[in-house]
């Protein structure tokens, strides 16, 4: 079975922008445009394609700050600060370069990259063994026997690799139950509250015992009085968080077009030519050593 690598494009772009920006290494081209995030992105995708032995590569992108989740909660990710000035021109640039390199880029307005990743993974897993590269642990809810998640750990090649079996052993849960855990504990980074006073350990225990948020609520009379009170007080937040925590796996996509458009990877010579075209010297030097 062929291997499909799906990459969270923004996760890599942000990661490598900040990795060099902290030292003021923006790697500007002859027009003065910063390219540090783009160059790190190229290096990371090329390395990931090699390390996962990928036959095909899809890059998933966020398409704007507003998605359907903002209709559920106006506070969702609302606290995030605007990107630095040096990063702004790299958003369009990285997608253009990625397309030139031969990767298949997909982004859908009103949805996050996670939703695109989840939809493609669940739709195509019957035809491919899928490996997802991201820094977002929320994607662990997608794990099954043909979907692995490689969480970025350090540099370009160190990952915290999760299989379905590892997740079950570590959490004592099915991967999709991570949604229920997140609903109870909330997510300050994404801006949804969960149940105030219930952290990760308690949330995991509740779902291990009751299986779902709905079942835990139904049997809340069996819980300690303090937990009962918290669930009753923050019930609306719990229900809202349950919706926000779930990756949407029904994004409208043409799967046959996607399968027909996925190129074979990786043509290092062509990638070096693209790097020359866009003055991406650091990325080219890295590719030539692979």
Protein backbone atom coordinates (compact mmCIF):
# COMPACT_ATOMS: atom_id res chain seq x y z
CA UNK A 1 0.00 0.00 0.00
CA UNK A 2 1.35 3.45 -0.94
CA UNK A 3 2.18 5.97 1.77
CA UNK A 4 0.59 9.41 1.87
CA UNK A 5 2.18 12.18 3.92
CA UNK A 6 -0.16 15.00 5.00
CA UNK A 7 1.59 18.06 6.41
CA UNK A 8 0.16 20.89 8.50
CA UNK A 9 1.71 23.67 6.41
CA UNK A 10 1.17 26.57 8.81
CA UNK A 11 2.59 24.61 11.72
CA UNK A 12 5.88 24.17 9.86
CA UNK A 13 5.96 27.74 8.54
CA UNK A 14 5.42 29.29 11.99
CA UNK A 15 7.83 26.90 13.67
CA UNK A 16 10.72 27.69 11.36
CA UNK A 17 10.00 31.38 11.20
CA UNK A 18 10.35 31.69 14.97
CA UNK A 19 13.32 29.32 15.12
CA UNK A 20 15.43 31.80 13.15
CA UNK A 21 13.61 35.09 13.80
CA UNK A 22 14.68 35.00 17.44
CA UNK A 23 18.25 35.48 16.15
CA UNK A 24 17.12 38.09 13.57
CA UNK A 25 17.96 35.66 10.75
CA UNK A 26 15.22 36.54 8.26
CA UNK A 27 17.18 35.38 5.15
CA UNK A 28 15.88 38.17 2.91
CA UNK A 29 15.99 37.78 -0.87
CA UNK A 30 17.24 40.42 -3.33
CA UNK A 31 13.91 42.26 -3.03
CA UNK A 32 14.22 42.42 0.75
CA UNK A 33 11.43 39.89 1.36
CA UNK A 34 12.03 37.57 4.35
CA UNK A 35 12.25 33.87 3.47
CA UNK A 36 13.31 32.23 6.74
CA UNK A 37 9.96 30.48 7.37
CA UNK A 38 9.69 29.36 3.74
CA UNK A 39 13.18 27.89 3.73
CA UNK A 40 12.60 26.01 6.96
CA UNK A 41 9.30 24.73 5.57
CA UNK A 42 11.02 23.32 2.47
CA UNK A 43 13.72 21.62 4.50
CA UNK A 44 11.20 20.11 6.89
CA UNK A 45 8.79 18.78 4.24
CA UNK A 46 11.64 17.26 2.21
CA UNK A 47 13.02 15.58 5.32
CA UNK A 48 9.60 14.34 6.42
CA UNK A 49 8.92 12.90 2.95
CA UNK A 50 12.19 11.01 3.17
CA UNK A 51 11.72 9.84 6.76
CA UNK A 52 8.14 8.66 6.20
CA UNK A 53 9.08 7.06 2.86
CA UNK A 54 6.14 8.95 1.35
CA UNK A 55 4.91 8.23 -2.15
CA UNK A 56 2.72 11.34 -2.17
CA UNK A 57 2.64 14.62 -0.25
CA UNK A 58 -0.32 16.86 0.56
CA UNK A 59 0.12 20.19 2.34
CA UNK A 60 -2.95 21.43 4.24
CA UNK A 61 -3.33 25.18 4.83
CA UNK A 62 -5.44 27.46 6.99
CA UNK A 63 -7.30 29.93 4.77
CA UNK A 64 -7.88 32.98 6.96
CA UNK A 65 -8.46 33.48 10.66
CA UNK A 66 -12.25 32.97 10.67
CA UNK A 67 -13.86 29.52 10.45
CA UNK A 68 -17.19 27.92 11.31
CA UNK A 69 -15.97 27.56 14.90
CA UNK A 70 -16.16 31.33 15.33
CA UNK A 71 -19.90 31.00 14.75
CA UNK A 72 -20.04 28.57 17.69
CA UNK A 73 -17.92 30.85 19.88
CA UNK A 74 -16.70 34.36 19.10
CA UNK A 75 -13.87 33.77 21.60
CA UNK A 76 -12.42 30.86 19.64
CA UNK A 77 -8.74 31.74 18.96
CA UNK A 78 -9.73 35.41 19.28
CA UNK A 79 -6.89 36.14 21.71
CA UNK A 80 -4.14 35.24 19.25
CA UNK A 81 -1.90 38.15 18.31
CA UNK A 82 -1.29 39.23 14.72
CA UNK A 83 1.78 37.68 13.07
CA UNK A 84 5.01 39.70 12.93
CA UNK A 85 5.53 42.01 9.95
CA UNK A 86 8.35 39.86 8.57
CA UNK A 87 6.06 36.86 8.41
CA UNK A 88 3.16 38.40 6.48
CA UNK A 89 4.68 38.16 2.97
CA UNK A 90 5.67 34.54 3.61
CA UNK A 91 2.09 33.22 3.80
CA UNK A 92 1.40 33.57 0.07
CA UNK A 93 5.03 32.94 -0.84
CA UNK A 94 5.24 29.56 0.87
CA UNK A 95 2.13 28.26 -0.89
CA UNK A 96 3.43 29.39 -4.27
CA UNK A 97 6.80 27.76 -3.66
CA UNK A 98 5.15 24.60 -2.31
CA UNK A 99 3.10 24.25 -5.49
CA UNK A 100 6.21 24.76 -7.64
CA UNK A 101 7.98 22.04 -5.68
CA UNK A 102 5.29 19.58 -6.74
CA UNK A 103 3.39 19.20 -3.49
CA UNK A 104 -0.41 19.16 -3.60
CA UNK A 105 -1.72 22.16 -1.63
CA UNK A 106 -5.23 22.16 -0.18
CA UNK A 107 -7.03 24.79 1.87
CA UNK A 108 -10.76 25.42 2.22
CA UNK A 109 -12.24 28.67 3.48
CA UNK A 110 -14.29 28.45 6.69
CA UNK A 111 -12.32 25.38 7.80
CA UNK A 112 -9.01 24.90 9.57
CA UNK A 113 -6.11 22.88 8.23
CA UNK A 114 -6.92 20.24 10.88
CA UNK A 115 -10.34 19.75 9.31
CA UNK A 116 -8.82 19.36 5.85
CA UNK A 117 -6.27 16.90 7.22
CA UNK A 118 -8.95 14.91 9.05
CA UNK A 119 -11.27 14.79 6.04
CA UNK A 120 -8.58 13.64 3.61
CA UNK A 121 -7.14 11.11 6.06
CA UNK A 122 -10.48 9.49 6.85
CA UNK A 123 -11.58 9.48 3.20
CA UNK A 124 -8.37 8.07 1.70
CA UNK A 125 -7.16 5.71 4.42
CA UNK A 126 -8.66 2.77 2.56
CA UNK A 127 -6.21 3.38 -0.30
CA UNK A 128 -3.12 4.65 1.52
CA UNK A 129 -1.24 4.32 4.78
CA UNK A 130 -1.31 7.89 6.07
CA UNK A 131 1.21 9.75 8.17
CA UNK A 132 0.34 13.22 9.47
CA UNK A 133 3.06 15.72 10.43
CA UNK A 134 2.01 18.57 12.74
CA UNK A 135 2.62 20.10 16.13
CA UNK A 136 -1.04 19.83 17.13
CA UNK A 137 -1.97 17.06 19.59
CA UNK A 138 -5.65 17.52 18.68
CA UNK A 139 -4.89 15.45 15.57
CA UNK A 140 -4.40 12.37 17.77
CA UNK A 141 -8.19 11.94 17.64
CA UNK A 142 -7.72 10.80 14.00
CA UNK A 143 -5.49 7.84 14.85
CA UNK A 144 -6.46 4.39 13.64
CA UNK A 145 -4.72 1.36 12.15
CA UNK A 146 -3.88 3.22 8.90
CA UNK A 147 -3.34 6.73 10.25
CA UNK A 148 -0.28 7.68 12.32
CA UNK A 149 0.50 11.13 13.72
CA UNK A 150 4.06 12.44 13.85
CA UNK A 151 4.17 15.34 16.31
CA UNK A 152 7.02 17.77 15.71
CA UNK A 153 9.50 17.54 18.56
CA UNK A 154 12.86 19.08 17.68
CA UNK A 155 14.61 20.26 14.55
CA UNK A 156 13.70 18.75 11.20
CA UNK A 157 13.70 15.08 12.02
CA UNK A 158 12.76 14.44 15.65
CA UNK A 159 9.14 13.46 16.25
CA UNK A 160 6.89 12.14 18.95
CA UNK A 161 5.30 9.37 16.88
CA UNK A 162 1.84 8.13 17.79
CA UNK A 163 0.17 5.03 16.46
CA UNK A 164 -3.30 3.92 17.48
CA UNK A 165 -1.78 1.22 19.70
CA UNK A 166 0.50 3.68 21.50
CA UNK A 167 -2.37 6.09 22.16
CA UNK A 168 -4.59 3.36 23.63
CA UNK A 169 -1.79 2.13 25.87
CA UNK A 170 -0.83 5.63 27.04
CA UNK A 171 -4.30 7.09 27.61
CA UNK A 172 -6.46 4.01 28.18
CA UNK A 173 -8.89 5.45 25.63
CA UNK A 174 -9.88 5.19 22.00
CA UNK A 175 -8.38 8.06 19.95
CA UNK A 176 -11.78 9.61 19.16
CA UNK A 177 -12.45 9.90 22.90
CA UNK A 178 -9.81 12.64 23.02
CA UNK A 179 -12.61 14.97 21.89
CA UNK A 180 -14.57 14.22 25.07
CA UNK A 181 -11.47 14.68 27.22
CA UNK A 182 -10.77 18.06 25.61
CA UNK A 183 -14.40 19.08 26.12
CA UNK A 184 -14.01 18.63 29.89
CA UNK A 185 -10.54 20.14 30.26
CA UNK A 186 -10.88 22.92 27.66
CA UNK A 187 -8.02 24.44 25.68
CA UNK A 188 -6.61 27.82 26.67
CA UNK A 189 -4.52 28.01 23.47
CA UNK A 190 -7.64 27.71 21.30
CA UNK A 191 -9.80 29.75 23.64
CA UNK A 192 -12.52 27.36 24.74
CA UNK A 193 -13.21 26.87 28.44
CA UNK A 194 -14.31 23.29 29.15
CA UNK A 195 -15.41 22.83 32.75
CA UNK A 196 -13.56 25.16 35.08
CA UNK A 197 -11.79 23.15 37.77
CA UNK A 198 -11.54 19.91 35.75
CA UNK A 199 -8.05 19.33 34.40
CA UNK A 200 -6.56 16.72 32.10
CA UNK A 201 -6.17 13.93 34.68
CA UNK A 202 -9.75 14.20 35.93
CA UNK A 203 -11.07 14.52 32.37
CA UNK A 204 -9.26 11.35 31.30
CA UNK A 205 -10.60 9.45 34.35
CA UNK A 206 -14.14 10.57 33.62
CA UNK A 207 -13.98 9.40 29.99
CA UNK A 208 -12.23 6.16 30.94
CA UNK A 209 -15.11 5.47 33.30
CA UNK A 210 -18.08 6.78 31.31
CA UNK A 211 -16.90 6.71 27.70
CA UNK A 212 -18.43 10.00 26.56
CA UNK A 213 -19.33 13.45 27.84
CA UNK A 214 -23.02 12.62 27.39
CA UNK A 215 -22.77 9.49 29.50
CA UNK A 216 -20.76 11.24 32.21
CA UNK A 217 -23.39 13.98 32.42
CA UNK A 218 -26.16 11.39 32.54
CA UNK A 219 -24.47 9.68 35.50
CA UNK A 220 -23.18 12.81 37.25
CA UNK A 221 -25.08 11.84 40.41
CA UNK A 222 -22.44 9.11 40.89
CA UNK A 223 -19.65 11.70 40.95
CA UNK A 224 -18.24 13.58 43.96
CA UNK A 225 -20.37 16.58 44.88
CA UNK A 226 -17.70 19.03 43.78
CA UNK A 227 -17.56 17.57 40.26
CA UNK A 228 -21.34 17.52 40.04
CA UNK A 229 -21.46 21.21 40.89
CA UNK A 230 -18.78 22.08 38.33
CA UNK A 231 -20.53 20.19 35.55
CA UNK A 232 -23.88 21.77 36.37
CA UNK A 233 -22.38 25.25 36.61
CA UNK A 234 -20.40 25.02 33.38
CA UNK A 235 -22.70 22.73 31.41
CA UNK A 236 -23.14 25.18 28.52
CA UNK A 237 -19.37 25.66 28.27
CA UNK A 238 -18.95 21.88 28.25
CA UNK A 239 -21.38 21.42 25.37
CA UNK A 240 -19.79 24.25 23.41
CA UNK A 241 -16.30 22.86 24.00
CA UNK A 242 -17.42 19.44 22.78
CA UNK A 243 -18.29 21.00 19.42
CA UNK A 244 -15.09 23.02 19.22
CA UNK A 245 -12.76 20.15 20.13
CA UNK A 246 -13.91 17.83 17.35
CA UNK A 247 -12.06 17.86 14.03
CA UNK A 248 -14.59 18.17 11.22
CA UNK A 249 -14.09 15.28 8.78
CA UNK A 250 -16.72 16.21 6.20
CA UNK A 251 -15.07 19.18 4.49
CA UNK A 252 -16.40 19.41 0.90
CA UNK A 253 -13.58 18.09 -1.29
CA UNK A 254 -13.31 16.27 -4.60
CA UNK A 255 -11.42 13.15 -3.61
CA UNK A 256 -10.89 11.81 -7.11
CA UNK A 257 -9.29 15.11 -8.14
CA UNK A 258 -7.07 14.94 -5.07
CA UNK A 259 -5.94 11.40 -5.84
CA UNK A 260 -5.29 12.28 -9.47
CA UNK A 261 -3.36 15.42 -8.54
CA UNK A 262 -1.03 13.92 -5.94
CA UNK A 263 2.40 13.83 -7.57
CA UNK A 264 5.10 11.32 -6.93
CA UNK A 265 7.72 12.59 -4.51
CA UNK A 266 10.60 13.64 -4.38
CA UNK A 267 12.55 15.11 -7.34
CA UNK A 268 15.51 16.71 -5.60
CA UNK A 269 16.93 18.19 -8.83
CA UNK A 270 13.66 19.98 -9.58
CA UNK A 271 13.39 21.17 -5.98
CA UNK A 272 16.87 22.70 -6.22
CA UNK A 273 15.86 24.49 -9.43
CA UNK A 274 12.84 25.95 -7.66
CA UNK A 275 15.05 27.09 -4.80
CA UNK A 276 17.31 28.87 -7.31
CA UNK A 277 14.28 30.53 -8.90
CA UNK A 278 13.16 31.95 -5.54
CA UNK A 279 16.63 32.65 -4.11
CA UNK A 280 16.27 30.04 -1.36
CA UNK A 281 19.95 29.24 -0.96
CA UNK A 282 19.84 27.74 2.53
CA UNK A 283 17.06 25.32 1.56
CA UNK A 284 18.90 24.35 -1.66
CA UNK A 285 22.15 23.62 0.18
CA UNK A 286 20.23 21.37 2.55
CA UNK A 287 18.49 19.51 -0.28
CA UNK A 288 21.78 18.88 -2.07
CA UNK A 289 23.09 17.08 1.02
CA UNK A 290 20.09 14.77 1.38
